[in-house]
Structure formats: structure tokens, C-alpha cells
Amino acid sequence: MFTLDIVKLKINRRINTPSSLYLNFFQHLGLDYKGNIGNFNDFYFNRYLREYFNWFESETNVEILALGIGAKNGERILKKELIKK
């Protein structure tokens, strides 16, 4: 069982200063997404999931990059592309 400790996450965010976050094990919040690889805008997220994303980003002050939806590499719903310099 996993529980999000937002206080620890905020501390780690301040220490590491990431440009974005990868929200892994997302399929546990919505089993309909398991194995459905694609882009964020191609999926319907209900009101509660959208509120959760907004809360998560506002609490951490970091944008979500992707939602991990499976055990294999690349099983994700991509919200934002990383900009390579």
C-alpha cells in the first residue's frame, strides 16, 4: 500500500529542484488507464483526478511530466515533453 507524504515530497522537491515530476503507479488511481500509453490530452480524466493533478502541482510547485501506468519502461501517459538543451 502506498500513501503520499506530501510534506516529505515538498522537502525533497526543495532539495532537488526538479523541473517536473513523474507520477508513477497512476494505474492504481484509475485501472482504466493501465496499459493505455499515449498523450495526456488524448485521455478523459474525471473531475476528481483533475482536482488531484491540480492539487499535486500546486502543493509541489512543479508540473507533472507523465503518469506511470505499468511495470514496463515507456508505459506512461505523457503530459509534457522534456525540453533538451
Protein backbone atom coordinates (compact mmCIF):
# COMPACT_ATOMS: atom_id res chain seq x y z
CA MET A 1 0.00 0.00 0.00
CA PHE A 2 1.27 3.44 -0.88
CA THR A 3 0.46 6.71 0.80
CA LEU A 4 1.70 10.06 -0.38
CA ASP A 5 3.60 12.01 2.25
CA ILE A 6 3.26 15.48 0.76
CA VAL A 7 5.47 17.05 3.44
CA LYS A 8 8.40 14.75 2.58
CA LEU A 9 7.79 15.30 -1.13
CA LYS A 10 7.91 19.09 -0.66
CA ILE A 11 11.19 18.78 1.28
CA ASN A 12 12.69 16.59 -1.45
CA ARG A 13 11.45 19.00 -4.11
CA ARG A 14 13.21 21.89 -2.36
CA ILE A 15 16.44 19.89 -2.08
CA ASN A 16 16.45 18.50 -5.64
CA THR A 17 14.67 21.34 -7.52
CA PRO A 18 13.21 19.18 -10.31
CA SER A 19 11.78 20.79 -13.43
CA SER A 20 8.93 18.26 -13.49
CA LEU A 21 7.59 15.19 -11.67
CA TYR A 22 6.79 11.67 -12.84
CA LEU A 23 3.71 10.39 -11.03
CA ASN A 24 4.25 6.63 -11.02
CA PHE A 25 1.72 3.86 -10.27
CA PHE A 26 -1.07 6.03 -11.65
CA GLN A 27 -2.97 2.94 -12.80
CA HIS A 28 -3.81 2.35 -9.13
CA LEU A 29 -5.85 5.57 -9.12
CA GLY A 30 -7.70 4.55 -12.27
CA LEU A 31 -7.42 0.99 -13.58
CA ASP A 32 -8.97 2.12 -16.89
CA TYR A 33 -5.60 3.71 -17.69
CA LYS A 34 -3.47 0.57 -17.17
CA GLY A 35 -1.60 -0.18 -20.38
CA ASN A 36 -3.12 2.76 -22.29
CA ILE A 37 0.01 4.54 -23.48
CA GLY A 38 -0.40 7.98 -25.02
CA ASN A 39 -0.58 11.71 -24.52
CA PHE A 40 -2.36 13.41 -21.63
CA ASN A 41 -4.77 15.30 -23.89
CA ASP A 42 -5.94 12.05 -25.52
CA PHE A 43 -7.49 10.81 -22.27
CA TYR A 44 -10.55 11.78 -20.26
CA PHE A 45 -9.79 12.40 -16.60
CA ASN A 46 -12.78 12.80 -14.33
CA ARG A 47 -13.22 15.80 -12.07
CA TYR A 48 -11.59 14.11 -9.08
CA LEU A 49 -8.45 13.16 -10.98
CA ARG A 50 -8.17 16.66 -12.48
CA GLU A 51 -8.54 18.14 -8.98
CA TYR A 52 -5.86 15.74 -7.73
CA PHE A 53 -3.46 16.79 -10.52
CA ASN A 54 -4.11 20.47 -9.76
CA TRP A 55 -3.65 19.91 -6.02
CA PHE A 56 -0.46 17.91 -6.57
CA GLU A 57 1.08 20.56 -8.84
CA SER A 58 0.04 23.46 -6.60
CA GLU A 59 1.38 21.76 -3.44
CA THR A 60 4.74 20.94 -5.02
CA ASN A 61 5.01 23.97 -7.33
CA VAL A 62 6.21 21.55 -10.02
CA GLU A 63 4.38 20.41 -13.13
CA ILE A 64 3.60 16.73 -13.71
CA LEU A 65 5.62 15.37 -16.66
CA ALA A 66 3.99 11.95 -17.01
CA LEU A 67 1.79 9.38 -15.36
CA GLY A 68 3.33 5.91 -14.99
CA ILE A 69 0.72 3.28 -15.88
CA GLY A 70 2.55 -0.03 -15.89
CA ALA A 71 5.60 -2.03 -14.97
CA LYS A 72 7.41 -1.76 -18.31
CA ASN A 73 9.64 1.09 -19.41
CA GLY A 74 7.64 3.53 -21.52
CA GLU A 75 4.26 2.60 -20.07
CA ARG A 76 3.19 6.12 -19.38
CA ILE A 77 0.77 8.88 -20.26
CA LEU A 78 2.90 11.83 -21.28
CA LYS A 79 1.68 15.25 -20.16
CA LYS A 80 4.68 17.35 -21.09
CA GLU A 81 7.76 16.85 -23.26
CA LEU A 82 11.13 17.48 -21.69
CA ILE A 83 13.00 20.28 -23.43
CA LYS A 84 16.52 19.20 -24.19
CA LYS A 85 19.16 21.92 -24.36
